[in-house]
Amino acid sequence: MPNDWESAVFHDLRAEGAFLVSAERKDGKTAWVRVKSLAGEPCKILSHMKGKVNMLKNGKVTTVAPAADGHIEIALKQGEEAVLFSGFKVPPLIVVPITVPPEKANPWGLKQNNRMVTYK
């Protein structure tokens, strides 16, 4: 995600491996990531969360340790979901639109200094 996007939110984006992913970024930091498996395959996430990362899965909260490369691996059965978050309690998992001043809005990408910037 571009660093210029201080806040962002999305719900049920389809990801490679048959996953639905929802997440929220606030003040330049990932607040939470929810992953639901549609096929029952293992999931590997690179979230860039700072500090201790917790996972809510099957009603239980556990601490997860990222691998050396920063990825977090989650074993999910078909239809199962997990939420990753930092901090001591599960944040509100609410997805609402983020308002943007019209001069900063650009449905086709990111504008910097009045020119289009694309990310690969």
PDB file of N, CA and C in Angstrom:
ATOM      1  N   MET A   1       0.849  -1.166   0.000  1.00  0.00           N
ATOM      2  CA  MET A   1       0.000   0.000   0.000  1.00  0.00           C
ATOM      3  C   MET A   1       0.899   1.235   0.000  1.00  0.00           C
ATOM      4  N   PRO A   2       0.581   2.240  -0.793  1.00  0.00           N
ATOM      5  CA  PRO A   2       1.410   3.447  -0.828  1.00  0.00           C
ATOM      6  C   PRO A   2       1.465   4.121   0.531  1.00  0.00           C
ATOM      7  N   ASN A   3       2.611   4.649   0.904  1.00  0.00           N
ATOM      8  CA  ASN A   3       2.758   5.333   2.191  1.00  0.00           C
ATOM      9  C   ASN A   3       1.879   6.566   2.287  1.00  0.00           C
ATOM     10  N   ASP A   4       1.538   7.170   1.147  1.00  0.00           N
ATOM     11  CA  ASP A   4       0.681   8.356   1.153  1.00  0.00           C
ATOM     12  C   ASP A   4      -0.742   8.044   1.608  1.00  0.00           C
ATOM     13  N   TRP A   5      -1.134   6.796   1.560  1.00  0.00           N
ATOM     14  CA  TRP A   5      -2.470   6.407   1.980  1.00  0.00           C
ATOM     15  C   TRP A   5      -2.428   6.136   3.481  1.00  0.00           C
ATOM     16  N   GLU A   6      -2.643   7.179   4.270  1.00  0.00           N
ATOM     17  CA  GLU A   6      -2.614   7.052   5.724  1.00  0.00           C
ATOM     18  C   GLU A   6      -3.712   6.129   6.228  1.00  0.00           C
ATOM     19  N   SER A   7      -4.871   6.181   5.576  1.00  0.00           N
ATOM     20  CA  SER A   7      -6.001   5.354   5.984  1.00  0.00           C
ATOM     21  C   SER A   7      -6.595   4.665   4.762  1.00  0.00           C
ATOM     22  N   ALA A   8      -6.987   3.422   4.946  1.00  0.00           N
ATOM     23  CA  ALA A   8      -7.627   2.649   3.874  1.00  0.00           C
ATOM     24  C   ALA A   8      -8.411   1.514   4.520  1.00  0.00           C
ATOM     25  N   VAL A   9      -9.428   1.065   3.826  1.00  0.00           N
ATOM     26  CA  VAL A   9     -10.220  -0.053   4.324  1.00  0.00           C
ATOM     27  C   VAL A   9     -10.797  -0.798   3.125  1.00  0.00           C
ATOM     28  N   PHE A  10     -10.843  -2.114   3.217  1.00  0.00           N
ATOM     29  CA  PHE A  10     -11.492  -2.895   2.161  1.00  0.00           C
ATOM     30  C   PHE A  10     -12.091  -4.145   2.772  1.00  0.00           C
ATOM     31  N   HIS A  11     -13.066  -4.712   2.068  1.00  0.00           N
ATOM     32  CA  HIS A  11     -13.815  -5.859   2.590  1.00  0.00           C
ATOM     33  C   HIS A  11     -13.955  -6.936   1.526  1.00  0.00           C
ATOM     34  N   ASP A  12     -13.588  -8.155   1.872  1.00  0.00           N
ATOM     35  CA  ASP A  12     -13.761  -9.347   1.047  1.00  0.00           C
ATOM     36  C   ASP A  12     -13.150  -9.247  -0.351  1.00  0.00           C
ATOM     37  N   LEU A  13     -11.919  -8.741  -0.412  1.00  0.00           N
ATOM     38  CA  LEU A  13     -11.192  -8.810  -1.676  1.00  0.00           C
ATOM     39  C   LEU A  13     -10.757 -10.260  -1.880  1.00  0.00           C
ATOM     40  N   ARG A  14     -10.902 -10.758  -3.077  1.00  0.00           N
ATOM     41  CA  ARG A  14     -10.476 -12.133  -3.363  1.00  0.00           C
ATOM     42  C   ARG A  14      -8.971 -12.148  -3.575  1.00  0.00           C
ATOM     43  N   ALA A  15      -8.320 -13.099  -2.911  1.00  0.00           N
ATOM     44  CA  ALA A  15      -6.865 -13.201  -2.996  1.00  0.00           C
ATOM     45  C   ALA A  15      -6.477 -14.570  -3.533  1.00  0.00           C
ATOM     46  N   GLU A  16      -5.280 -14.632  -4.079  1.00  0.00           N
ATOM     47  CA  GLU A  16      -4.754 -15.884  -4.609  1.00  0.00           C
ATOM     48  C   GLU A  16      -4.814 -16.973  -3.539  1.00  0.00           C
ATOM     49  N   GLY A  17      -5.238 -18.166  -3.931  1.00  0.00           N
ATOM     50  CA  GLY A  17      -5.347 -19.279  -3.003  1.00  0.00           C
ATOM     51  C   GLY A  17      -6.752 -19.457  -2.453  1.00  0.00           C
ATOM     52  N   ALA A  18      -7.722 -18.720  -2.995  1.00  0.00           N
ATOM     53  CA  ALA A  18      -9.136 -18.798  -2.591  1.00  0.00           C
ATOM     54  C   ALA A  18      -9.357 -18.269  -1.171  1.00  0.00           C
ATOM     55  N   PHE A  19      -8.967 -17.014  -0.970  1.00  0.00           N
ATOM     56  CA  PHE A  19      -9.180 -16.345   0.306  1.00  0.00           C
ATOM     57  C   PHE A  19      -9.976 -15.072   0.083  1.00  0.00           C
ATOM     58  N   LEU A  20     -10.777 -14.696   1.086  1.00  0.00           N
ATOM     59  CA  LEU A  20     -11.412 -13.383   1.127  1.00  0.00           C
ATOM     60  C   LEU A  20     -10.670 -12.596   2.199  1.00  0.00           C
ATOM     61  N   VAL A  21     -10.211 -11.401   1.847  1.00  0.00           N
ATOM     62  CA  VAL A  21      -9.399 -10.611   2.762  1.00  0.00           C
ATOM     63  C   VAL A  21     -10.068  -9.263   3.001  1.00  0.00           C
ATOM     64  N   SER A  22     -10.156  -8.897   4.274  1.00  0.00           N
ATOM     65  CA  SER A  22     -10.636  -7.580   4.686  1.00  0.00           C
ATOM     66  C   SER A  22      -9.558  -6.988   5.574  1.00  0.00           C
ATOM     67  N   ALA A  23      -9.406  -5.668   5.561  1.00  0.00           N
ATOM     68  CA  ALA A  23      -8.375  -5.050   6.397  1.00  0.00           C
ATOM     69  C   ALA A  23      -8.657  -3.576   6.578  1.00  0.00           C
ATOM     70  N   GLU A  24      -7.994  -3.018   7.596  1.00  0.00           N
ATOM     71  CA  GLU A  24      -8.088  -1.580   7.836  1.00  0.00           C
ATOM     72  C   GLU A  24      -6.715  -1.044   8.201  1.00  0.00           C
ATOM     73  N   ARG A  25      -6.396   0.103   7.617  1.00  0.00           N
ATOM     74  CA  ARG A  25      -5.156   0.824   7.920  1.00  0.00           C
ATOM     75  C   ARG A  25      -5.561   2.177   8.483  1.00  0.00           C
ATOM     76  N   LYS A  26      -5.019   2.534   9.658  1.00  0.00           N
ATOM     77  CA  LYS A  26      -5.317   3.822  10.299  1.00  0.00           C
ATOM     78  C   LYS A  26      -4.012   4.503  10.651  1.00  0.00           C
ATOM     79  N   ASP A  27      -3.935   5.792  10.348  1.00  0.00           N
ATOM     80  CA  ASP A  27      -2.748   6.581  10.698  1.00  0.00           C
ATOM     81  C   ASP A  27      -1.455   5.922  10.238  1.00  0.00           C
ATOM     82  N   GLY A  28      -1.483   5.311   9.055  1.00  0.00           N
ATOM     83  CA  GLY A  28      -0.292   4.715   8.471  1.00  0.00           C
ATOM     84  C   GLY A  28       0.082   3.354   9.013  1.00  0.00           C
ATOM     85  N   LYS A  29      -0.790   2.743   9.841  1.00  0.00           N
ATOM     86  CA  LYS A  29      -0.492   1.432  10.430  1.00  0.00           C
ATOM     87  C   LYS A  29      -1.644   0.469  10.177  1.00  0.00           C
ATOM     88  N   THR A  30      -1.317  -0.792   9.955  1.00  0.00           N
ATOM     89  CA  THR A  30      -2.346  -1.813   9.780  1.00  0.00           C
ATOM     90  C   THR A  30      -3.016  -2.038  11.130  1.00  0.00           C
ATOM     91  N   ALA A  31      -4.343  -1.833  11.181  1.00  0.00           N
ATOM     92  CA  ALA A  31      -5.095  -2.022  12.428  1.00  0.00           C
ATOM     93  C   ALA A  31      -5.487  -3.492  12.586  1.00  0.00           C
ATOM     94  N   TRP A  32      -5.962  -4.092  11.497  1.00  0.00           N
ATOM     95  CA  TRP A  32      -6.368  -5.496  11.532  1.00  0.00           C
ATOM     96  C   TRP A  32      -6.471  -6.045  10.117  1.00  0.00           C
ATOM     97  N   VAL A  33      -6.366  -7.375  10.039  1.00  0.00           N
ATOM     98  CA  VAL A  33      -6.529  -8.104   8.772  1.00  0.00           C
ATOM     99  C   VAL A  33      -7.384  -9.328   9.067  1.00  0.00           C
ATOM    100  N   ARG A  34      -8.454  -9.506   8.303  1.00  0.00           N
ATOM    101  CA  ARG A  34      -9.285 -10.706   8.438  1.00  0.00           C
ATOM    102  C   ARG A  34      -9.143 -11.525   7.164  1.00  0.00           C
ATOM    103  N   VAL A  35      -8.904 -12.826   7.329  1.00  0.00           N
ATOM    104  CA  VAL A  35      -8.756 -13.733   6.191  1.00  0.00           C
ATOM    105  C   VAL A  35      -9.730 -14.883   6.360  1.00  0.00           C
ATOM    106  N   LYS A  36     -10.497 -15.162   5.320  1.00  0.00           N
ATOM    107  CA  LYS A  36     -11.406 -16.308   5.318  1.00  0.00           C
ATOM    108  C   LYS A  36     -10.995 -17.235   4.189  1.00  0.00           C
ATOM    109  N   SER A  37     -10.864 -18.521   4.495  1.00  0.00           N
ATOM    110  CA  SER A  37     -10.460 -19.496   3.490  1.00  0.00           C
ATOM    111  C   SER A  37     -11.689 -20.091   2.815  1.00  0.00           C
ATOM    112  N   LEU A  38     -11.687 -20.063   1.501  1.00  0.00           N
ATOM    113  CA  LEU A  38     -12.782 -20.676   0.735  1.00  0.00           C
ATOM    114  C   LEU A  38     -12.445 -22.100   0.318  1.00  0.00           C
ATOM    115  N   ALA A  39     -11.159 -22.485   0.403  1.00  0.00           N
ATOM    116  CA  ALA A  39     -10.734 -23.796  -0.088  1.00  0.00           C
ATOM    117  C   ALA A  39     -10.049 -24.662   0.967  1.00  0.00           C
ATOM    118  N   GLY A  40      -9.693 -24.082   2.096  1.00  0.00           N
ATOM    119  CA  GLY A  40      -9.026 -24.869   3.129  1.00  0.00           C
ATOM    120  C   GLY A  40      -7.541 -25.032   2.910  1.00  0.00           C
ATOM    121  N   GLU A  41      -6.912 -24.062   2.292  1.00  0.00           N
ATOM    122  CA  GLU A  41      -5.470 -24.108   2.038  1.00  0.00           C
ATOM    123  C   GLU A  41      -4.734 -23.273   3.078  1.00  0.00           C
ATOM    124  N   PRO A  42      -3.445 -23.547   3.316  1.00  0.00           N
ATOM    125  CA  PRO A  42      -2.669 -22.702   4.237  1.00  0.00           C
ATOM    126  C   PRO A  42      -2.570 -21.280   3.695  1.00  0.00           C
ATOM    127  N   CYS A  43      -2.440 -20.339   4.587  1.00  0.00           N
ATOM    128  CA  CYS A  43      -2.393 -18.929   4.213  1.00  0.00           C
ATOM    129  C   CYS A  43      -1.102 -18.318   4.726  1.00  0.00           C
ATOM    130  N   LYS A  44      -0.483 -17.463   3.909  1.00  0.00           N
ATOM    131  CA  LYS A  44       0.752 -16.775   4.264  1.00  0.00           C
ATOM    132  C   LYS A  44       0.506 -15.277   4.080  1.00  0.00           C
ATOM    133  N   ILE A  45       0.684 -14.501   5.151  1.00  0.00           N
ATOM    134  CA  ILE A  45       0.384 -13.065   5.123  1.00  0.00           C
ATOM    135  C   ILE A  45       1.618 -12.265   5.508  1.00  0.00           C
ATOM    136  N   LEU A  46       1.844 -11.169   4.780  1.00  0.00           N
ATOM    137  CA  LEU A  46       2.859 -10.189   5.147  1.00  0.00           C
ATOM    138  C   LEU A  46       2.097  -8.905   5.468  1.00  0.00           C
ATOM    139  N   SER A  47       1.945  -8.587   6.750  1.00  0.00           N
ATOM    140  CA  SER A  47       1.072  -7.470   7.142  1.00  0.00           C
ATOM    141  C   SER A  47       1.812  -6.209   7.560  1.00  0.00           C
ATOM    142  N   HIS A  48       3.082  -6.289   7.877  1.00  0.00           N
ATOM    143  CA  HIS A  48       3.890  -5.162   8.359  1.00  0.00           C
ATOM    144  C   HIS A  48       3.377  -4.603   9.675  1.00  0.00           C
ATOM    145  N   MET A  49       2.639  -5.416  10.451  1.00  0.00           N
ATOM    146  CA  MET A  49       2.208  -4.968  11.782  1.00  0.00           C
ATOM    147  C   MET A  49       3.424  -4.863  12.683  1.00  0.00           C
ATOM    148  N   LYS A  50       3.431  -3.845  13.501  1.00  0.00           N
ATOM    149  CA  LYS A  50       4.547  -3.624  14.428  1.00  0.00           C
ATOM    150  C   LYS A  50       4.213  -4.207  15.787  1.00  0.00           C
ATOM    151  N   GLY A  51       5.226  -4.669  16.483  1.00  0.00           N
ATOM    152  CA  GLY A  51       5.039  -5.200  17.829  1.00  0.00           C
ATOM    153  C   GLY A  51       4.416  -6.582  17.829  1.00  0.00           C
ATOM    154  N   LYS A  52       3.830  -6.923  18.953  1.00  0.00           N
ATOM    155  CA  LYS A  52       3.217  -8.234  19.138  1.00  0.00           C
ATOM    156  C   LYS A  52       1.976  -8.360  18.243  1.00  0.00           C
ATOM    157  N   VAL A  53       1.890  -9.473  17.515  1.00  0.00           N
ATOM    158  CA  VAL A  53       0.737  -9.725  16.643  1.00  0.00           C
ATOM    159  C   VAL A  53      -0.100 -10.834  17.269  1.00  0.00           C
ATOM    160  N   ASN A  54      -1.375 -10.550  17.420  1.00  0.00           N
ATOM    161  CA  ASN A  54      -2.310 -11.529  17.966  1.00  0.00           C
ATOM    162  C   ASN A  54      -3.221 -12.028  16.866  1.00  0.00           C
ATOM    163  N   MET A  55      -3.770 -13.229  17.081  1.00  0.00           N
ATOM    164  CA  MET A  55      -4.683 -13.821  16.116  1.00  0.00           C
ATOM    165  C   MET A  55      -5.935 -14.308  16.847  1.00  0.00           C
ATOM    166  N   LEU A  56      -7.091 -13.910  16.337  1.00  0.00           N
ATOM    167  CA  LEU A  56      -8.372 -14.418  16.812  1.00  0.00           C
ATOM    168  C   LEU A  56      -8.819 -15.486  15.829  1.00  0.00           C
ATOM    169  N   LYS A  57      -8.950 -16.705  16.320  1.00  0.00           N
ATOM    170  CA  LYS A  57      -9.359 -17.828  15.475  1.00  0.00           C
ATOM    171  C   LYS A  57     -10.167 -18.785  16.337  1.00  0.00           C
ATOM    172  N   ASN A  58     -11.335 -19.156  15.844  1.00  0.00           N
ATOM    173  CA  ASN A  58     -12.223 -20.072  16.580  1.00  0.00           C
ATOM    174  C   ASN A  58     -12.520 -19.581  17.995  1.00  0.00           C
ATOM    175  N   GLY A  59     -12.676 -18.259  18.157  1.00  0.00           N
ATOM    176  CA  GLY A  59     -13.030 -17.689  19.448  1.00  0.00           C
ATOM    177  C   GLY A  59     -11.893 -17.555  20.440  1.00  0.00           C
ATOM    178  N   LYS A  60     -10.679 -17.927  20.049  1.00  0.00           N
ATOM    179  CA  LYS A  60      -9.526 -17.852  20.946  1.00  0.00           C
ATOM    180  C   LYS A  60      -8.484 -16.885  20.393  1.00  0.00           C
ATOM    181  N   VAL A  61      -7.861 -16.137  21.290  1.00  0.00           N
ATOM    182  CA  VAL A  61      -6.795 -15.219  20.899  1.00  0.00           C
ATOM    183  C   VAL A  61      -5.456 -15.827  21.282  1.00  0.00           C
ATOM    184  N   THR A  62      -4.547 -15.884  20.302  1.00  0.00           N
ATOM    185  CA  THR A  62      -3.197 -16.372  20.547  1.00  0.00           C
ATOM    186  C   THR A  62      -2.206 -15.394  19.923  1.00  0.00           C
ATOM    187  N   THR A  63      -0.992 -15.418  20.441  1.00  0.00           N
ATOM    188  CA  THR A  63       0.067 -14.593  19.866  1.00  0.00           C
ATOM    189  C   THR A  63       0.748 -15.396  18.772  1.00  0.00           C
ATOM    190  N   VAL A  64       1.014 -14.741  17.636  1.00  0.00           N
ATOM    191  CA  VAL A  64       1.682 -15.418  16.529  1.00  0.00           C
ATOM    192  C   VAL A  64       3.013 -14.727  16.272  1.00  0.00           C
ATOM    193  N   ALA A  65       3.993 -15.510  15.908  1.00  0.00           N
ATOM    194  CA  ALA A  65       5.320 -14.974  15.628  1.00  0.00           C
ATOM    195  C   ALA A  65       5.581 -15.034  14.132  1.00  0.00           C
ATOM    196  N   PRO A  66       5.895 -13.897  13.527  1.00  0.00           N
ATOM    197  CA  PRO A  66       6.245 -13.918  12.108  1.00  0.00           C
ATOM    198  C   PRO A  66       7.513 -14.728  11.862  1.00  0.00           C
ATOM    199  N   ALA A  67       7.609 -15.353  10.689  1.00  0.00           N
ATOM    200  CA  ALA A  67       8.816 -16.074  10.283  1.00  0.00           C
ATOM    201  C   ALA A  67       9.938 -15.061  10.046  1.00  0.00           C
ATOM    202  N   ALA A  68      11.122 -15.537   9.782  1.00  0.00           N
ATOM    203  CA  ALA A  68      12.279 -14.661   9.556  1.00  0.00           C
ATOM    204  C   ALA A  68      12.048 -13.673   8.415  1.00  0.00           C
ATOM    205  N   ASP A  69      11.258 -14.078   7.416  1.00  0.00           N
ATOM    206  CA  ASP A  69      10.993 -13.187   6.277  1.00  0.00           C
ATOM    207  C   ASP A  69       9.823 -12.242   6.531  1.00  0.00           C
ATOM    208  N   GLY A  70       9.245 -12.258   7.741  1.00  0.00           N
ATOM    209  CA  GLY A  70       8.158 -11.354   8.099  1.00  0.00           C
ATOM    210  C   GLY A  70       6.763 -11.899   7.850  1.00  0.00           C
ATOM    211  N   HIS A  71       6.653 -13.051   7.205  1.00  0.00           N
ATOM    212  CA  HIS A  71       5.341 -13.635   6.904  1.00  0.00           C
ATOM    213  C   HIS A  71       4.766 -14.356   8.124  1.00  0.00           C
ATOM    214  N   ILE A  72       3.460 -14.347   8.205  1.00  0.00           N
ATOM    215  CA  ILE A  72       2.734 -15.097   9.226  1.00  0.00           C
ATOM    216  C   ILE A  72       1.960 -16.184   8.499  1.00  0.00           C
ATOM    217  N   GLU A  73       2.152 -17.419   8.918  1.00  0.00           N
ATOM    218  CA  GLU A  73       1.438 -18.532   8.290  1.00  0.00           C
ATOM    219  C   GLU A  73       0.279 -18.956   9.177  1.00  0.00           C
ATOM    220  N   ILE A  74      -0.881 -19.148   8.547  1.00  0.00           N
ATOM    221  CA  ILE A  74      -2.095 -19.534   9.267  1.00  0.00           C
ATOM    222  C   ILE A  74      -2.688 -20.763   8.602  1.00  0.00           C
ATOM    223  N   ALA A  75      -2.943 -21.796   9.382  1.00  0.00           N
ATOM    224  CA  ALA A  75      -3.625 -22.990   8.867  1.00  0.00           C
ATOM    225  C   ALA A  75      -5.124 -22.763   9.003  1.00  0.00           C
ATOM    226  N   LEU A  76      -5.825 -22.750   7.892  1.00  0.00           N
ATOM    227  CA  LEU A  76      -7.271 -22.525   7.891  1.00  0.00           C
ATOM    228  C   LEU A  76      -7.983 -23.644   7.157  1.00  0.00           C
ATOM    229  N   LYS A  77      -9.041 -24.151   7.759  1.00  0.00           N
ATOM    230  CA  LYS A  77      -9.902 -25.124   7.081  1.00  0.00           C
ATOM    231  C   LYS A  77     -10.880 -24.361   6.200  1.00  0.00           C
ATOM    232  N   GLN A  78     -11.527 -25.070   5.299  1.00  0.00           N
ATOM    233  CA  GLN A  78     -12.500 -24.445   4.417  1.00  0.00           C
ATOM    234  C   GLN A  78     -13.592 -23.771   5.255  1.00  0.00           C
ATOM    235  N   GLY A  79     -13.859 -22.481   4.967  1.00  0.00           N
ATOM    236  CA  GLY A  79     -14.877 -21.722   5.679  1.00  0.00           C
ATOM    237  C   GLY A  79     -14.392 -21.074   6.968  1.00  0.00           C
ATOM    238  N   GLU A  80     -13.185 -21.405   7.402  1.00  0.00           N
ATOM    239  CA  GLU A  80     -12.634 -20.850   8.634  1.00  0.00           C
ATOM    240  C   GLU A  80     -12.037 -19.470   8.377  1.00  0.00           C
ATOM    241  N   GLU A  81     -12.031 -18.639   9.402  1.00  0.00           N
ATOM    242  CA  GLU A  81     -11.415 -17.325   9.260  1.00  0.00           C
ATOM    243  C   GLU A  81     -10.583 -16.997  10.484  1.00  0.00           C
ATOM    244  N   ALA A  82      -9.652 -16.063  10.296  1.00  0.00           N
ATOM    245  CA  ALA A  82      -8.791 -15.592  11.377  1.00  0.00           C
ATOM    246  C   ALA A  82      -8.613 -14.088  11.225  1.00  0.00           C
ATOM    247  N   VAL A  83      -8.426 -13.426  12.360  1.00  0.00           N
ATOM    248  CA  VAL A  83      -8.190 -11.984  12.375  1.00  0.00           C
ATOM    249  C   VAL A  83      -6.840 -11.736  13.037  1.00  0.00           C
ATOM    250  N   LEU A  84      -5.974 -11.001  12.355  1.00  0.00           N
ATOM    251  CA  LEU A  84      -4.688 -10.585  12.909  1.00  0.00           C
ATOM    252  C   LEU A  84      -4.813  -9.145  13.380  1.00  0.00           C
ATOM    253  N   PHE A  85      -4.236  -8.848  14.540  1.00  0.00           N
ATOM    254  CA  PHE A  85      -4.278  -7.490  15.071  1.00  0.00           C
ATOM    255  C   PHE A  85      -3.125  -7.315  16.049  1.00  0.00           C
ATOM    256  N   SER A  86      -2.781  -6.063  16.319  1.00  0.00           N
ATOM    257  CA  SER A  86      -1.784  -5.793  17.351  1.00  0.00           C
ATOM    258  C   SER A  86      -2.493  -5.124  18.516  1.00  0.00           C
ATOM    259  N   GLY A  87      -1.909  -5.212  19.670  1.00  0.00           N
ATOM    260  CA  GLY A  87      -2.550  -4.638  20.854  1.00  0.00           C
ATOM    261  C   GLY A  87      -3.122  -5.720  21.742  1.00  0.00           C
ATOM    262  N   PHE A  88      -3.872  -5.287  22.740  1.00  0.00           N
ATOM    263  CA  PHE A  88      -4.347  -6.211  23.761  1.00  0.00           C
ATOM    264  C   PHE A  88      -5.761  -6.726  23.533  1.00  0.00           C
ATOM    265  N   LYS A  89      -6.553  -6.018  22.737  1.00  0.00           N
ATOM    266  CA  LYS A  89      -7.907  -6.497  22.510  1.00  0.00           C
ATOM    267  C   LYS A  89      -8.263  -6.422  21.029  1.00  0.00           C
ATOM    268  N   VAL A  90      -9.218  -7.235  20.648  1.00  0.00           N
ATOM    269  CA  VAL A  90      -9.654  -7.277  19.252  1.00  0.00           C
ATOM    270  C   VAL A  90     -10.275  -5.927  18.901  1.00  0.00           C
ATOM    271  N   PRO A  91      -9.784  -5.273  17.838  1.00  0.00           N
ATOM    272  CA  PRO A  91     -10.361  -3.979  17.452  1.00  0.00           C
ATOM    273  C   PRO A  91     -11.737  -4.178  16.827  1.00  0.00           C
ATOM    274  N   PRO A  92     -12.548  -3.128  16.765  1.00  0.00           N
ATOM    275  CA  PRO A  92     -13.839  -3.252  16.089  1.00  0.00           C
ATOM    276  C   PRO A  92     -13.605  -3.554  14.610  1.00  0.00           C
ATOM    277  N   LEU A  93     -14.213  -4.609  14.116  1.00  0.00           N
ATOM    278  CA  LEU A  93     -14.034  -5.015  12.713  1.00  0.00           C
ATOM    279  C   LEU A  93     -15.152  -4.416  11.878  1.00  0.00           C
ATOM    280  N   ILE A  94     -15.111  -3.102  11.753  1.00  0.00           N
ATOM    281  CA  ILE A  94     -16.151  -2.359  11.057  1.00  0.00           C
ATOM    282  C   ILE A  94     -15.545  -1.754   9.795  1.00  0.00           C
ATOM    283  N   VAL A  95     -16.208  -1.971   8.685  1.00  0.00           N
ATOM    284  CA  VAL A  95     -15.741  -1.425   7.416  1.00  0.00           C
ATOM    285  C   VAL A  95     -16.707  -0.322   6.990  1.00  0.00           C
ATOM    286  N   VAL A  96     -16.219   0.911   7.015  1.00  0.00           N
ATOM    287  CA  VAL A  96     -17.015   2.062   6.579  1.00  0.00           C
ATOM    288  C   VAL A  96     -16.180   2.874   5.595  1.00  0.00           C
ATOM    289  N   PRO A  97     -16.832   3.558   4.660  1.00  0.00           N
ATOM    290  CA  PRO A  97     -16.081   4.351   3.683  1.00  0.00           C
ATOM    291  C   PRO A  97     -15.247   5.439   4.352  1.00  0.00           C
ATOM    292  N   ILE A  98     -14.101   5.720   3.770  1.00  0.00           N
ATOM    293  CA  ILE A  98     -13.234   6.793   4.235  1.00  0.00           C
ATOM    294  C   ILE A  98     -13.481   7.994   3.345  1.00  0.00           C
ATOM    295  N   THR A  99     -13.775   9.131   3.952  1.00  0.00           N
ATOM    296  CA  THR A  99     -14.035  10.331   3.160  1.00  0.00           C
ATOM    297  C   THR A  99     -12.708  10.975   2.763  1.00  0.00           C
ATOM    298  N   VAL A 100     -12.677  11.471   1.548  1.00  0.00           N
ATOM    299  CA  VAL A 100     -11.482  12.109   0.999  1.00  0.00           C
ATOM    300  C   VAL A 100     -11.905  13.442   0.395  1.00  0.00           C
ATOM    301  N   PRO A 101     -11.162  14.517   0.662  1.00  0.00           N
ATOM    302  CA  PRO A 101     -11.500  15.793   0.030  1.00  0.00           C
ATOM    303  C   PRO A 101     -11.468  15.635  -1.495  1.00  0.00           C
ATOM    304  N   PRO A 102     -12.395  16.269  -2.204  1.00  0.00           N
ATOM    305  CA  PRO A 102     -12.472  16.112  -3.666  1.00  0.00           C
ATOM    306  C   PRO A 102     -11.153  16.368  -4.399  1.00  0.00           C
ATOM    307  N   GLU A 103     -10.354  17.311  -3.920  1.00  0.00           N
ATOM    308  CA  GLU A 103      -9.092  17.623  -4.609  1.00  0.00           C
ATOM    309  C   GLU A 103      -8.058  16.506  -4.469  1.00  0.00           C
ATOM    310  N   LYS A 104      -8.262  15.600  -3.503  1.00  0.00           N
ATOM    311  CA  LYS A 104      -7.343  14.479  -3.332  1.00  0.00           C
ATOM    312  C   LYS A 104      -7.908  13.173  -3.880  1.00  0.00           C
ATOM    313  N   ALA A 105      -9.162  13.179  -4.261  1.00  0.00           N
ATOM    314  CA  ALA A 105      -9.800  11.953  -4.758  1.00  0.00           C
ATOM    315  C   ALA A 105      -9.320  11.636  -6.168  1.00  0.00           C
ATOM    316  N   ASN A 106      -9.076  10.357  -6.421  1.00  0.00           N
ATOM    317  CA  ASN A 106      -8.686   9.905  -7.746  1.00  0.00           C
ATOM    318  C   ASN A 106      -9.046   8.427  -7.835  1.00  0.00           C
ATOM    319  N   PRO A 107     -10.137   8.090  -8.506  1.00  0.00           N
ATOM    320  CA  PRO A 107     -10.554   6.686  -8.565  1.00  0.00           C
ATOM    321  C   PRO A 107      -9.623   5.801  -9.385  1.00  0.00           C
ATOM    322  N   TRP A 108      -8.645   6.380 -10.072  1.00  0.00           N
ATOM    323  CA  TRP A 108      -7.784   5.594 -10.957  1.00  0.00           C
ATOM    324  C   TRP A 108      -6.408   5.343 -10.370  1.00  0.00           C
ATOM    325  N   GLY A 109      -6.136   5.812  -9.176  1.00  0.00           N
ATOM    326  CA  GLY A 109      -4.821   5.584  -8.586  1.00  0.00           C
ATOM    327  C   GLY A 109      -4.455   6.672  -7.618  1.00  0.00           C
ATOM    328  N   LEU A 110      -3.190   6.875  -7.434  1.00  0.00           N
ATOM    329  CA  LEU A 110      -2.679   7.839  -6.475  1.00  0.00           C
ATOM    330  C   LEU A 110      -2.147   9.057  -7.211  1.00  0.00           C
ATOM    331  N   LYS A 111      -2.518  10.255  -6.762  1.00  0.00           N
ATOM    332  CA  LYS A 111      -2.011  11.489  -7.348  1.00  0.00           C
ATOM    333  C   LYS A 111      -0.961  12.080  -6.420  1.00  0.00           C
ATOM    334  N   GLN A 112       0.187  12.397  -6.972  1.00  0.00           N
ATOM    335  CA  GLN A 112       1.214  13.107  -6.225  1.00  0.00           C
ATOM    336  C   GLN A 112       1.694  14.254  -7.088  1.00  0.00           C
ATOM    337  N   ASN A 113       1.681  15.457  -6.530  1.00  0.00           N
ATOM    338  CA  ASN A 113       2.129  16.646  -7.278  1.00  0.00           C
ATOM    339  C   ASN A 113       1.427  16.751  -8.628  1.00  0.00           C
ATOM    340  N   ASN A 114       0.108  16.487  -8.622  1.00  0.00           N
ATOM    341  CA  ASN A 114      -0.743  16.588  -9.814  1.00  0.00           C
ATOM    342  C   ASN A 114      -0.333  15.658 -10.958  1.00  0.00           C
ATOM    343  N   ARG A 115       0.314  14.556 -10.642  1.00  0.00           N
ATOM    344  CA  ARG A 115       0.600  13.562 -11.664  1.00  0.00           C
ATOM    345  C   ARG A 115       0.246  12.191 -11.119  1.00  0.00           C
ATOM    346  N   MET A 116      -0.087  11.261 -12.010  1.00  0.00           N
ATOM    347  CA  MET A 116      -0.492   9.914 -11.633  1.00  0.00           C
ATOM    348  C   MET A 116       0.720   9.088 -11.248  1.00  0.00           C
ATOM    349  N   VAL A 117       0.611   8.343 -10.171  1.00  0.00           N
ATOM    350  CA  VAL A 117       1.662   7.436  -9.719  1.00  0.00           C
ATOM    351  C   VAL A 117       1.079   6.029  -9.719  1.00  0.00           C
ATOM    352  N   THR A 118       1.758   5.093 -10.329  1.00  0.00           N
ATOM    353  CA  THR A 118       1.275   3.712 -10.324  1.00  0.00           C
ATOM    354  C   THR A 118       2.234   2.843  -9.544  1.00  0.00           C
ATOM    355  N   TYR A 119       1.690   1.796  -8.955  1.00  0.00           N
ATOM    356  CA  TYR A 119       2.489   0.860  -8.171  1.00  0.00           C
ATOM    357  C   TYR A 119       2.386  -0.510  -8.772  1.00  0.00           C
ATOM    358  N   LYS A 120       3.490  -1.229  -8.794  1.00  0.00           N
ATOM    359  CA  LYS A 120       3.493  -2.583  -9.352  1.00  0.00           C
ATOM    360  C   LYS A 120       3.755  -3.579  -8.254  1.00  0.00           C
TER     361      LYS A 120
END
